[in-house]
């Protein structure tokens, strides 16, 4: 499976942004997916996940109520809708494919910068 994240950019506090993760054909219905982020000097952190088929979603406490993960099988893509962005959301965001309990493929990240 191949993944490519896009949609990052420079925004202001309170703005919204949608990140996209393009998934190789046929993989969208075969895996669960997650979004992670890594800020400078910090570990990579879990942000959100969606189950295979999209029925179950999970979020980090820090983004609950602000971020929404969803998928579109027709477009072979997984999205992360980010609302009410804060400076602490600044990071490189990565999408990943999950099989069982392990994330087995990672895409190149996309930078999100939130100015105060």
PDB file of N, CA and C in Angstrom:
ATOM      1  N   UNK A   1       0.844  -1.183   0.000  1.00  0.00           N
ATOM      2  CA  UNK A   1       0.000   0.000   0.000  1.00  0.00           C
ATOM      3  C   UNK A   1       0.882   1.237   0.000  1.00  0.00           C
ATOM      4  N   UNK A   2       0.497   2.217  -0.791  1.00  0.00           N
ATOM      5  CA  UNK A   2       1.219   3.488  -0.846  1.00  0.00           C
ATOM      6  C   UNK A   2       0.304   4.604  -0.408  1.00  0.00           C
ATOM      7  N   UNK A   3       0.868   5.555   0.327  1.00  0.00           N
ATOM      8  CA  UNK A   3       0.094   6.669   0.833  1.00  0.00           C
ATOM      9  C   UNK A   3       0.842   7.975   0.586  1.00  0.00           C
ATOM     10  N   UNK A   4       0.092   9.031   0.366  1.00  0.00           N
ATOM     11  CA  UNK A   4       0.678  10.348   0.170  1.00  0.00           C
ATOM     12  C   UNK A   4      -0.217  11.401   0.802  1.00  0.00           C
ATOM     13  N   UNK A   5       0.308  12.050   1.827  1.00  0.00           N
ATOM     14  CA  UNK A   5      -0.446  13.105   2.505  1.00  0.00           C
ATOM     15  C   UNK A   5      -0.243  14.440   1.802  1.00  0.00           C
ATOM     16  N   UNK A   6      -1.269  15.262   1.833  1.00  0.00           N
ATOM     17  CA  UNK A   6      -1.187  16.600   1.251  1.00  0.00           C
ATOM     18  C   UNK A   6      -2.206  17.498   1.938  1.00  0.00           C
ATOM     19  N   UNK A   7      -2.117  18.789   1.644  1.00  0.00           N
ATOM     20  CA  UNK A   7      -3.102  19.723   2.153  1.00  0.00           C
ATOM     21  C   UNK A   7      -2.621  20.612   3.282  1.00  0.00           C
ATOM     22  N   UNK A   8      -1.395  20.396   3.723  1.00  0.00           N
ATOM     23  CA  UNK A   8      -0.875  21.231   4.786  1.00  0.00           C
ATOM     24  C   UNK A   8      -0.642  22.659   4.331  1.00  0.00           C
ATOM     25  N   UNK A   9      -0.335  23.515   5.300  1.00  0.00           N
ATOM     26  CA  UNK A   9      -0.070  24.891   4.963  1.00  0.00           C
ATOM     27  C   UNK A   9       0.086  25.744   6.198  1.00  0.00           C
ATOM     28  N   UNK A  10       0.168  27.039   5.967  1.00  0.00           N
ATOM     29  CA  UNK A  10       0.282  28.019   7.049  1.00  0.00           C
ATOM     30  C   UNK A  10      -1.081  28.665   7.255  1.00  0.00           C
ATOM     31  N   UNK A  11      -1.627  28.545   8.464  1.00  0.00           N
ATOM     32  CA  UNK A  11      -2.928  29.124   8.783  1.00  0.00           C
ATOM     33  C   UNK A  11      -2.831  29.873  10.102  1.00  0.00           C
ATOM     34  N   UNK A  12      -3.900  30.571  10.428  1.00  0.00           N
ATOM     35  CA  UNK A  12      -3.939  31.319  11.682  1.00  0.00           C
ATOM     36  C   UNK A  12      -4.754  30.567  12.730  1.00  0.00           C
ATOM     37  N   UNK A  13      -4.547  30.925  13.963  1.00  0.00           N
ATOM     38  CA  UNK A  13      -5.315  30.327  15.049  1.00  0.00           C
ATOM     39  C   UNK A  13      -6.808  30.465  14.771  1.00  0.00           C
ATOM     40  N   UNK A  14      -7.517  29.345  14.942  1.00  0.00           N
ATOM     41  CA  UNK A  14      -8.950  29.346  14.712  1.00  0.00           C
ATOM     42  C   UNK A  14      -9.372  28.933  13.320  1.00  0.00           C
ATOM     43  N   UNK A  15      -8.418  28.873  12.407  1.00  0.00           N
ATOM     44  CA  UNK A  15      -8.721  28.487  11.031  1.00  0.00           C
ATOM     45  C   UNK A  15      -8.977  26.981  10.922  1.00  0.00           C
ATOM     46  N   UNK A  16      -9.427  26.588   9.734  1.00  0.00           N
ATOM     47  CA  UNK A  16      -9.664  25.177   9.430  1.00  0.00           C
ATOM     48  C   UNK A  16      -8.788  24.741   8.265  1.00  0.00           C
ATOM     49  N   UNK A  17      -8.545  23.439   8.206  1.00  0.00           N
ATOM     50  CA  UNK A  17      -7.725  22.868   7.143  1.00  0.00           C
ATOM     51  C   UNK A  17      -8.150  21.423   6.951  1.00  0.00           C
ATOM     52  N   UNK A  18      -8.105  20.960   5.719  1.00  0.00           N
ATOM     53  CA  UNK A  18      -8.399  19.555   5.459  1.00  0.00           C
ATOM     54  C   UNK A  18      -7.159  18.896   4.867  1.00  0.00           C
ATOM     55  N   UNK A  19      -6.680  17.879   5.523  1.00  0.00           N
ATOM     56  CA  UNK A  19      -5.574  17.089   5.003  1.00  0.00           C
ATOM     57  C   UNK A  19      -6.127  15.893   4.236  1.00  0.00           C
ATOM     58  N   UNK A  20      -5.456  15.554   3.161  1.00  0.00           N
ATOM     59  CA  UNK A  20      -5.854  14.409   2.357  1.00  0.00           C
ATOM     60  C   UNK A  20      -4.740  13.374   2.351  1.00  0.00           C
ATOM     61  N   UNK A  21      -5.129  12.132   2.303  1.00  0.00           N
ATOM     62  CA  UNK A  21      -4.173  11.035   2.177  1.00  0.00           C
ATOM     63  C   UNK A  21      -4.614  10.176   1.003  1.00  0.00           C
ATOM     64  N   UNK A  22      -3.883  10.254  -0.085  1.00  0.00           N
ATOM     65  CA  UNK A  22      -4.183   9.436  -1.252  1.00  0.00           C
ATOM     66  C   UNK A  22      -3.667   8.029  -1.006  1.00  0.00           C
ATOM     67  N   UNK A  23      -4.520   7.058  -1.231  1.00  0.00           N
ATOM     68  CA  UNK A  23      -4.206   5.652  -0.954  1.00  0.00           C
ATOM     69  C   UNK A  23      -4.189   4.879  -2.268  1.00  0.00           C
ATOM     70  N   UNK A  24      -3.247   3.973  -2.402  1.00  0.00           N
ATOM     71  CA  UNK A  24      -3.183   3.182  -3.625  1.00  0.00           C
ATOM     72  C   UNK A  24      -4.468   2.383  -3.805  1.00  0.00           C
ATOM     73  N   UNK A  25      -4.807   2.167  -5.077  1.00  0.00           N
ATOM     74  CA  UNK A  25      -6.066   1.526  -5.436  1.00  0.00           C
ATOM     75  C   UNK A  25      -6.231   0.184  -4.726  1.00  0.00           C
ATOM     76  N   UNK A  26      -7.457  -0.090  -4.304  1.00  0.00           N
ATOM     77  CA  UNK A  26      -7.852  -1.337  -3.630  1.00  0.00           C
ATOM     78  C   UNK A  26      -7.463  -1.355  -2.154  1.00  0.00           C
ATOM     79  N   UNK A  27      -6.497  -0.510  -1.764  1.00  0.00           N
ATOM     80  CA  UNK A  27      -6.064  -0.530  -0.373  1.00  0.00           C
ATOM     81  C   UNK A  27      -7.068   0.132   0.553  1.00  0.00           C
ATOM     82  N   UNK A  28      -7.845   1.069   0.050  1.00  0.00           N
ATOM     83  CA  UNK A  28      -8.753   1.835   0.900  1.00  0.00           C
ATOM     84  C   UNK A  28      -9.748   0.935   1.620  1.00  0.00           C
ATOM     85  N   UNK A  29     -10.141  -0.168   1.006  1.00  0.00           N
ATOM     86  CA  UNK A  29     -11.112  -1.070   1.626  1.00  0.00           C
ATOM     87  C   UNK A  29     -10.449  -2.249   2.325  1.00  0.00           C
ATOM     88  N   UNK A  30      -9.119  -2.250   2.336  1.00  0.00           N
ATOM     89  CA  UNK A  30      -8.394  -3.390   2.903  1.00  0.00           C
ATOM     90  C   UNK A  30      -7.727  -3.087   4.235  1.00  0.00           C
ATOM     91  N   UNK A  31      -7.631  -1.825   4.581  1.00  0.00           N
ATOM     92  CA  UNK A  31      -6.899  -1.429   5.776  1.00  0.00           C
ATOM     93  C   UNK A  31      -7.700  -0.448   6.625  1.00  0.00           C
ATOM     94  N   UNK A  32      -7.307  -0.367   7.863  1.00  0.00           N
ATOM     95  CA  UNK A  32      -7.677   0.777   8.693  1.00  0.00           C
ATOM     96  C   UNK A  32      -6.592   1.834   8.484  1.00  0.00           C
ATOM     97  N   UNK A  33      -6.901   3.068   8.865  1.00  0.00           N
ATOM     98  CA  UNK A  33      -5.955   4.153   8.630  1.00  0.00           C
ATOM     99  C   UNK A  33      -5.870   5.074   9.839  1.00  0.00           C
ATOM    100  N   UNK A  34      -4.736   5.728   9.943  1.00  0.00           N
ATOM    101  CA  UNK A  34      -4.557   6.669  11.030  1.00  0.00           C
ATOM    102  C   UNK A  34      -3.805   7.904  10.581  1.00  0.00           C
ATOM    103  N   UNK A  35      -3.960   8.942  11.360  1.00  0.00           N
ATOM    104  CA  UNK A  35      -3.175  10.169  11.186  1.00  0.00           C
ATOM    105  C   UNK A  35      -2.317  10.346  12.438  1.00  0.00           C
ATOM    106  N   UNK A  36      -1.086  10.727  12.227  1.00  0.00           N
ATOM    107  CA  UNK A  36      -0.152  11.000  13.306  1.00  0.00           C
ATOM    108  C   UNK A  36       0.493  12.355  13.033  1.00  0.00           C
ATOM    109  N   UNK A  37       1.125  12.919  14.052  1.00  0.00           N
ATOM    110  CA  UNK A  37       1.837  14.170  13.842  1.00  0.00           C
ATOM    111  C   UNK A  37       3.108  14.203  14.671  1.00  0.00           C
ATOM    112  N   UNK A  38       4.077  14.952  14.166  1.00  0.00           N
ATOM    113  CA  UNK A  38       5.348  15.088  14.866  1.00  0.00           C
ATOM    114  C   UNK A  38       5.746  16.555  14.857  1.00  0.00           C
ATOM    115  N   UNK A  39       5.817  17.110  16.050  1.00  0.00           N
ATOM    116  CA  UNK A  39       6.270  18.485  16.219  1.00  0.00           C
ATOM    117  C   UNK A  39       7.771  18.485  16.452  1.00  0.00           C
ATOM    118  N   UNK A  40       8.449  19.578  16.165  1.00  0.00           N
ATOM    119  CA  UNK A  40       9.900  19.645  16.358  1.00  0.00           C
ATOM    120  C   UNK A  40      10.291  19.300  17.795  1.00  0.00           C
ATOM    121  N   UNK A  41      11.232  18.378  17.937  1.00  0.00           N
ATOM    122  CA  UNK A  41      11.731  18.019  19.246  1.00  0.00           C
ATOM    123  C   UNK A  41      10.821  17.106  20.039  1.00  0.00           C
ATOM    124  N   UNK A  42       9.746  16.645  19.416  1.00  0.00           N
ATOM    125  CA  UNK A  42       8.802  15.788  20.122  1.00  0.00           C
ATOM    126  C   UNK A  42       8.663  14.443  19.419  1.00  0.00           C
ATOM    127  N   UNK A  43       8.079  13.508  20.142  1.00  0.00           N
ATOM    128  CA  UNK A  43       7.810  12.204  19.569  1.00  0.00           C
ATOM    129  C   UNK A  43       6.632  12.309  18.589  1.00  0.00           C
ATOM    130  N   UNK A  44       6.536  11.317  17.726  1.00  0.00           N
ATOM    131  CA  UNK A  44       5.374  11.237  16.847  1.00  0.00           C
ATOM    132  C   UNK A  44       4.164  10.814  17.667  1.00  0.00           C
ATOM    133  N   UNK A  45       3.087  11.537  17.545  1.00  0.00           N
ATOM    134  CA  UNK A  45       1.905  11.291  18.355  1.00  0.00           C
ATOM    135  C   UNK A  45       0.727  10.855  17.498  1.00  0.00           C
ATOM    136  N   UNK A  46      -0.085  10.016  18.076  1.00  0.00           N
ATOM    137  CA  UNK A  46      -1.328   9.611  17.446  1.00  0.00           C
ATOM    138  C   UNK A  46      -2.304  10.788  17.420  1.00  0.00           C
ATOM    139  N   UNK A  47      -3.016  10.939  16.312  1.00  0.00           N
ATOM    140  CA  UNK A  47      -4.015  11.999  16.187  1.00  0.00           C
ATOM    141  C   UNK A  47      -5.422  11.407  16.045  1.00  0.00           C
ATOM    142  N   UNK A  48      -5.593  10.535  15.056  1.00  0.00           N
ATOM    143  CA  UNK A  48      -6.924   9.987  14.784  1.00  0.00           C
ATOM    144  C   UNK A  48      -6.787   8.701  13.992  1.00  0.00           C
ATOM    145  N   UNK A  49      -7.810   7.851  14.085  1.00  0.00           N
ATOM    146  CA  UNK A  49      -7.824   6.602  13.337  1.00  0.00           C
ATOM    147  C   UNK A  49      -9.235   6.278  12.898  1.00  0.00           C
ATOM    148  N   UNK A  50      -9.319   5.554  11.800  1.00  0.00           N
ATOM    149  CA  UNK A  50     -10.606   5.108  11.280  1.00  0.00           C
ATOM    150  C   UNK A  50     -10.472   3.639  10.919  1.00  0.00           C
ATOM    151  N   UNK A  51     -11.505   2.879  11.283  1.00  0.00           N
ATOM    152  CA  UNK A  51     -11.447   1.444  11.048  1.00  0.00           C
ATOM    153  C   UNK A  51     -11.655   1.127   9.571  1.00  0.00           C
ATOM    154  N   UNK A  52     -11.309  -0.072   9.215  1.00  0.00           N
ATOM    155  CA  UNK A  52     -11.606  -0.567   7.869  1.00  0.00           C
ATOM    156  C   UNK A  52     -13.117  -0.509   7.670  1.00  0.00           C
ATOM    157  N   UNK A  53     -13.545   0.162   6.652  1.00  0.00           N
ATOM    158  CA  UNK A  53     -14.967   0.372   6.427  1.00  0.00           C
ATOM    159  C   UNK A  53     -15.506   1.653   7.035  1.00  0.00           C
ATOM    160  N   UNK A  54     -14.753   2.269   7.918  1.00  0.00           N
ATOM    161  CA  UNK A  54     -15.108   3.586   8.443  1.00  0.00           C
ATOM    162  C   UNK A  54     -16.092   3.616   9.593  1.00  0.00           C
ATOM    163  N   UNK A  55     -16.450   2.469  10.145  1.00  0.00           N
ATOM    164  CA  UNK A  55     -17.478   2.465  11.171  1.00  0.00           C
ATOM    165  C   UNK A  55     -17.020   2.920  12.548  1.00  0.00           C
ATOM    166  N   UNK A  56     -15.725   2.829  12.810  1.00  0.00           N
ATOM    167  CA  UNK A  56     -15.200   3.187  14.129  1.00  0.00           C
ATOM    168  C   UNK A  56     -14.119   4.244  13.952  1.00  0.00           C
ATOM    169  N   UNK A  57     -14.213   5.297  14.745  1.00  0.00           N
ATOM    170  CA  UNK A  57     -13.217   6.359  14.702  1.00  0.00           C
ATOM    171  C   UNK A  57     -12.699   6.612  16.110  1.00  0.00           C
ATOM    172  N   UNK A  58     -11.456   6.977  16.183  1.00  0.00           N
ATOM    173  CA  UNK A  58     -10.825   7.234  17.472  1.00  0.00           C
ATOM    174  C   UNK A  58      -9.977   8.486  17.359  1.00  0.00           C
ATOM    175  N   UNK A  59      -9.903   9.243  18.459  1.00  0.00           N
ATOM    176  CA  UNK A  59      -9.176  10.500  18.422  1.00  0.00           C
ATOM    177  C   UNK A  59      -8.316  10.672  19.677  1.00  0.00           C
ATOM    178  N   UNK A  60      -7.225  11.369  19.525  1.00  0.00           N
ATOM    179  CA  UNK A  60      -6.463  11.799  20.683  1.00  0.00           C
ATOM    180  C   UNK A  60      -7.289  12.832  21.448  1.00  0.00           C
ATOM    181  N   UNK A  61      -7.122  12.840  22.747  1.00  0.00           N
ATOM    182  CA  UNK A  61      -7.889  13.780  23.575  1.00  0.00           C
ATOM    183  C   UNK A  61      -7.659  15.227  23.139  1.00  0.00           C
ATOM    184  N   UNK A  62      -6.465  15.519  22.683  1.00  0.00           N
ATOM    185  CA  UNK A  62      -6.112  16.889  22.336  1.00  0.00           C
ATOM    186  C   UNK A  62      -6.848  17.413  21.107  1.00  0.00           C
ATOM    187  N   UNK A  63      -7.432  16.510  20.312  1.00  0.00           N
ATOM    188  CA  UNK A  63      -8.111  16.960  19.090  1.00  0.00           C
ATOM    189  C   UNK A  63      -9.593  16.610  19.067  1.00  0.00           C
ATOM    190  N   UNK A  64     -10.066  15.913  20.089  1.00  0.00           N
ATOM    191  CA  UNK A  64     -11.484  15.542  20.118  1.00  0.00           C
ATOM    192  C   UNK A  64     -12.372  16.777  20.050  1.00  0.00           C
ATOM    193  N   UNK A  65     -13.383  16.699  19.211  1.00  0.00           N
ATOM    194  CA  UNK A  65     -14.297  17.816  19.053  1.00  0.00           C
ATOM    195  C   UNK A  65     -13.831  18.850  18.048  1.00  0.00           C
ATOM    196  N   UNK A  66     -12.568  18.756  17.615  1.00  0.00           N
ATOM    197  CA  UNK A  66     -12.036  19.719  16.657  1.00  0.00           C
ATOM    198  C   UNK A  66     -11.671  19.049  15.324  1.00  0.00           C
ATOM    199  N   UNK A  67     -11.190  17.830  15.383  1.00  0.00           N
ATOM    200  CA  UNK A  67     -10.742  17.112  14.192  1.00  0.00           C
ATOM    201  C   UNK A  67     -11.723  15.996  13.873  1.00  0.00           C
ATOM    202  N   UNK A  68     -11.865  15.708  12.591  1.00  0.00           N
ATOM    203  CA  UNK A  68     -12.706  14.602  12.136  1.00  0.00           C
ATOM    204  C   UNK A  68     -11.955  13.812  11.067  1.00  0.00           C
ATOM    205  N   UNK A  69     -11.885  12.510  11.243  1.00  0.00           N
ATOM    206  CA  UNK A  69     -11.276  11.641  10.241  1.00  0.00           C
ATOM    207  C   UNK A  69     -12.387  10.951   9.468  1.00  0.00           C
ATOM    208  N   UNK A  70     -12.236  10.872   8.153  1.00  0.00           N
ATOM    209  CA  UNK A  70     -13.212  10.175   7.337  1.00  0.00           C
ATOM    210  C   UNK A  70     -12.535   9.676   6.071  1.00  0.00           C
ATOM    211  N   UNK A  71     -13.192   8.761   5.400  1.00  0.00           N
ATOM    212  CA  UNK A  71     -12.621   8.190   4.185  1.00  0.00           C
ATOM    213  C   UNK A  71     -13.635   8.239   3.049  1.00  0.00           C
ATOM    214  N   UNK A  72     -13.116   8.178   1.847  1.00  0.00           N
ATOM    215  CA  UNK A  72     -13.947   8.166   0.652  1.00  0.00           C
ATOM    216  C   UNK A  72     -13.408   7.065  -0.255  1.00  0.00           C
ATOM    217  N   UNK A  73     -14.083   5.939  -0.256  1.00  0.00           N
ATOM    218  CA  UNK A  73     -13.602   4.800  -1.038  1.00  0.00           C
ATOM    219  C   UNK A  73     -13.568   5.108  -2.533  1.00  0.00           C
ATOM    220  N   UNK A  74     -14.510   5.898  -2.993  1.00  0.00           N
ATOM    221  CA  UNK A  74     -14.574   6.214  -4.424  1.00  0.00           C
ATOM    222  C   UNK A  74     -13.358   7.016  -4.871  1.00  0.00           C
ATOM    223  N   UNK A  75     -12.805   7.789  -3.944  1.00  0.00           N
ATOM    224  CA  UNK A  75     -11.637   8.618  -4.259  1.00  0.00           C
ATOM    225  C   UNK A  75     -10.344   8.015  -3.741  1.00  0.00           C
ATOM    226  N   UNK A  76     -10.431   6.830  -3.132  1.00  0.00           N
ATOM    227  CA  UNK A  76      -9.228   6.197  -2.568  1.00  0.00           C
ATOM    228  C   UNK A  76      -8.463   7.172  -1.679  1.00  0.00           C
ATOM    229  N   UNK A  77      -9.184   7.761  -0.738  1.00  0.00           N
ATOM    230  CA  UNK A  77      -8.551   8.780   0.095  1.00  0.00           C
ATOM    231  C   UNK A  77      -9.101   8.766   1.515  1.00  0.00           C
ATOM    232  N   UNK A  78      -8.250   9.174   2.420  1.00  0.00           N
ATOM    233  CA  UNK A  78      -8.610   9.367   3.820  1.00  0.00           C
ATOM    234  C   UNK A  78      -8.333  10.828   4.146  1.00  0.00           C
ATOM    235  N   UNK A  79      -9.226  11.440   4.885  1.00  0.00           N
ATOM    236  CA  UNK A  79      -9.130  12.867   5.153  1.00  0.00           C
ATOM    237  C   UNK A  79      -9.064  13.142   6.647  1.00  0.00           C
ATOM    238  N   UNK A  80      -8.500  14.298   6.977  1.00  0.00           N
ATOM    239  CA  UNK A  80      -8.505  14.791   8.344  1.00  0.00           C
ATOM    240  C   UNK A  80      -8.983  16.239   8.293  1.00  0.00           C
ATOM    241  N   UNK A  81     -10.225  16.436   8.705  1.00  0.00           N
ATOM    242  CA  UNK A  81     -10.779  17.787   8.800  1.00  0.00           C
ATOM    243  C   UNK A  81     -10.337  18.378  10.129  1.00  0.00           C
ATOM    244  N   UNK A  82      -9.649  19.505  10.081  1.00  0.00           N
ATOM    245  CA  UNK A  82      -9.128  20.119  11.301  1.00  0.00           C
ATOM    246  C   UNK A  82      -9.759  21.499  11.466  1.00  0.00           C
ATOM    247  N   UNK A  83     -10.504  21.673  12.535  1.00  0.00           N
ATOM    248  CA  UNK A  83     -11.146  22.949  12.840  1.00  0.00           C
ATOM    249  C   UNK A  83     -10.548  23.556  14.091  1.00  0.00           C
ATOM    250  N   UNK A  84     -10.793  24.837  14.278  1.00  0.00           N
ATOM    251  CA  UNK A  84     -10.331  25.549  15.481  1.00  0.00           C
ATOM    252  C   UNK A  84      -8.865  25.265  15.768  1.00  0.00           C
ATOM    253  N   UNK A  85      -8.050  25.421  14.764  1.00  0.00           N
ATOM    254  CA  UNK A  85      -6.631  25.098  14.896  1.00  0.00           C
ATOM    255  C   UNK A  85      -5.940  25.997  15.908  1.00  0.00           C
ATOM    256  N   UNK A  86      -4.990  25.405  16.611  1.00  0.00           N
ATOM    257  CA  UNK A  86      -4.224  26.090  17.649  1.00  0.00           C
ATOM    258  C   UNK A  86      -2.746  26.018  17.291  1.00  0.00           C
ATOM    259  N   UNK A  87      -1.939  26.929  17.826  1.00  0.00           N
ATOM    260  CA  UNK A  87      -0.495  26.857  17.560  1.00  0.00           C
ATOM    261  C   UNK A  87       0.102  25.499  17.945  1.00  0.00           C
ATOM    262  N   UNK A  88      -0.434  24.873  18.981  1.00  0.00           N
ATOM    263  CA  UNK A  88       0.101  23.567  19.397  1.00  0.00           C
ATOM    264  C   UNK A  88      -0.241  22.445  18.429  1.00  0.00           C
ATOM    265  N   UNK A  89      -1.052  22.725  17.422  1.00  0.00           N
ATOM    266  CA  UNK A  89      -1.315  21.737  16.372  1.00  0.00           C
ATOM    267  C   UNK A  89      -0.228  21.762  15.291  1.00  0.00           C
ATOM    268  N   UNK A  90       0.683  22.706  15.391  1.00  0.00           N
ATOM    269  CA  UNK A  90       1.770  22.798  14.420  1.00  0.00           C
ATOM    270  C   UNK A  90       2.636  21.550  14.456  1.00  0.00           C
ATOM    271  N   UNK A  91       2.783  20.901  13.304  1.00  0.00           N
ATOM    272  CA  UNK A  91       3.536  19.654  13.221  1.00  0.00           C
ATOM    273  C   UNK A  91       3.558  19.185  11.775  1.00  0.00           C
ATOM    274  N   UNK A  92       4.351  18.159  11.543  1.00  0.00           N
ATOM    275  CA  UNK A  92       4.255  17.427  10.284  1.00  0.00           C
ATOM    276  C   UNK A  92       3.241  16.311  10.503  1.00  0.00           C
ATOM    277  N   UNK A  93       2.274  16.220   9.623  1.00  0.00           N
ATOM    278  CA  UNK A  93       1.211  15.231   9.739  1.00  0.00           C
ATOM    279  C   UNK A  93       1.445  14.093   8.758  1.00  0.00           C
ATOM    280  N   UNK A  94       1.279  12.868   9.256  1.00  0.00           N
ATOM    281  CA  UNK A  94       1.496  11.668   8.461  1.00  0.00           C
ATOM    282  C   UNK A  94       0.236  10.804   8.476  1.00  0.00           C
ATOM    283  N   UNK A  95      -0.041  10.177   7.353  1.00  0.00           N
ATOM    284  CA  UNK A  95      -1.083   9.159   7.344  1.00  0.00           C
ATOM    285  C   UNK A  95      -0.417   7.784   7.279  1.00  0.00           C
ATOM    286  N   UNK A  96      -1.118   6.796   7.804  1.00  0.00           N
ATOM    287  CA  UNK A  96      -0.558   5.458   7.871  1.00  0.00           C
ATOM    288  C   UNK A  96      -1.661   4.424   7.698  1.00  0.00           C
ATOM    289  N   UNK A  97      -1.294   3.274   7.159  1.00  0.00           N
ATOM    290  CA  UNK A  97      -2.216   2.159   6.981  1.00  0.00           C
ATOM    291  C   UNK A  97      -1.995   1.131   8.074  1.00  0.00           C
ATOM    292  N   UNK A  98      -3.077   0.585   8.573  1.00  0.00           N
ATOM    293  CA  UNK A  98      -3.015  -0.337   9.705  1.00  0.00           C
ATOM    294  C   UNK A  98      -3.573  -1.689   9.324  1.00  0.00           C
ATOM    295  N   UNK A  99      -2.827  -2.705   9.672  1.00  0.00           N
ATOM    296  CA  UNK A  99      -3.300  -4.076   9.507  1.00  0.00           C
ATOM    297  C   UNK A  99      -3.224  -4.748  10.872  1.00  0.00           C
ATOM    298  N   UNK A 100      -4.338  -5.222  11.359  1.00  0.00           N
ATOM    299  CA  UNK A 100      -4.360  -5.789  12.702  1.00  0.00           C
ATOM    300  C   UNK A 100      -4.110  -4.695  13.719  1.00  0.00           C
ATOM    301  N   UNK A 101      -3.056  -4.849  14.490  1.00  0.00           N
ATOM    302  CA  UNK A 101      -2.727  -3.851  15.506  1.00  0.00           C
ATOM    303  C   UNK A 101      -1.527  -2.988  15.111  1.00  0.00           C
ATOM    304  N   UNK A 102      -0.981  -3.217  13.950  1.00  0.00           N
ATOM    305  CA  UNK A 102       0.249  -2.530  13.554  1.00  0.00           C
ATOM    306  C   UNK A 102       0.032  -1.615  12.358  1.00  0.00           C
ATOM    307  N   UNK A 103       0.660  -0.455  12.427  1.00  0.00           N
ATOM    308  CA  UNK A 103       0.708   0.434  11.266  1.00  0.00           C
ATOM    309  C   UNK A 103       1.866  -0.028  10.388  1.00  0.00           C
ATOM    310  N   UNK A 104       1.542  -0.452   9.176  1.00  0.00           N
ATOM    311  CA  UNK A 104       2.534  -1.128   8.350  1.00  0.00           C
ATOM    312  C   UNK A 104       3.008  -0.319   7.160  1.00  0.00           C
ATOM    313  N   UNK A 105       2.421   0.822   6.930  1.00  0.00           N
ATOM    314  CA  UNK A 105       2.860   1.673   5.822  1.00  0.00           C
ATOM    315  C   UNK A 105       2.609   3.124   6.184  1.00  0.00           C
ATOM    316  N   UNK A 106       3.568   3.957   5.789  1.00  0.00           N
ATOM    317  CA  UNK A 106       3.496   5.374   6.123  1.00  0.00           C
ATOM    318  C   UNK A 106       3.710   6.207   4.876  1.00  0.00           C
ATOM    319  N   UNK A 107       2.986   7.310   4.811  1.00  0.00           N
ATOM    320  CA  UNK A 107       3.207   8.234   3.714  1.00  0.00           C
ATOM    321  C   UNK A 107       4.165   9.333   4.130  1.00  0.00           C
ATOM    322  N   UNK A 108       4.605  10.096   3.150  1.00  0.00           N
ATOM    323  CA  UNK A 108       5.394  11.273   3.445  1.00  0.00           C
ATOM    324  C   UNK A 108       4.486  12.315   4.070  1.00  0.00           C
ATOM    325  N   UNK A 109       5.002  13.054   4.999  1.00  0.00           N
ATOM    326  CA  UNK A 109       4.193  13.980   5.764  1.00  0.00           C
ATOM    327  C   UNK A 109       3.883  15.264   5.044  1.00  0.00           C
ATOM    328  N   UNK A 110       2.968  16.014   5.654  1.00  0.00           N
ATOM    329  CA  UNK A 110       2.627  17.340   5.157  1.00  0.00           C
ATOM    330  C   UNK A 110       2.668  18.303   6.344  1.00  0.00           C
ATOM    331  N   UNK A 111       3.296  19.442   6.138  1.00  0.00           N
ATOM    332  CA  UNK A 111       3.527  20.394   7.227  1.00  0.00           C
ATOM    333  C   UNK A 111       2.294  21.254   7.473  1.00  0.00           C
ATOM    334  N   UNK A 112       1.915  21.327   8.728  1.00  0.00           N
ATOM    335  CA  UNK A 112       0.849  22.237   9.154  1.00  0.00           C
ATOM    336  C   UNK A 112       1.456  23.215  10.147  1.00  0.00           C
ATOM    337  N   UNK A 113       1.317  24.489   9.878  1.00  0.00           N
ATOM    338  CA  UNK A 113       1.824  25.520  10.776  1.00  0.00           C
ATOM    339  C   UNK A 113       0.683  26.461  11.127  1.00  0.00           C
ATOM    340  N   UNK A 114       0.460  26.613  12.427  1.00  0.00           N
ATOM    341  CA  UNK A 114      -0.617  27.476  12.910  1.00  0.00           C
ATOM    342  C   UNK A 114       0.014  28.655  13.628  1.00  0.00           C
ATOM    343  N   UNK A 115      -0.200  29.831  13.107  1.00  0.00           N
ATOM    344  CA  UNK A 115       0.377  31.029  13.713  1.00  0.00           C
ATOM    345  C   UNK A 115      -0.582  31.603  14.758  1.00  0.00           C
ATOM    346  N   UNK A 116       0.002  32.214  15.768  1.00  0.00           N
ATOM    347  CA  UNK A 116      -0.816  32.787  16.853  1.00  0.00           C
ATOM    348  C   UNK A 116      -1.211  34.215  16.551  1.00  0.00           C
TER     349      UNK A 116
END
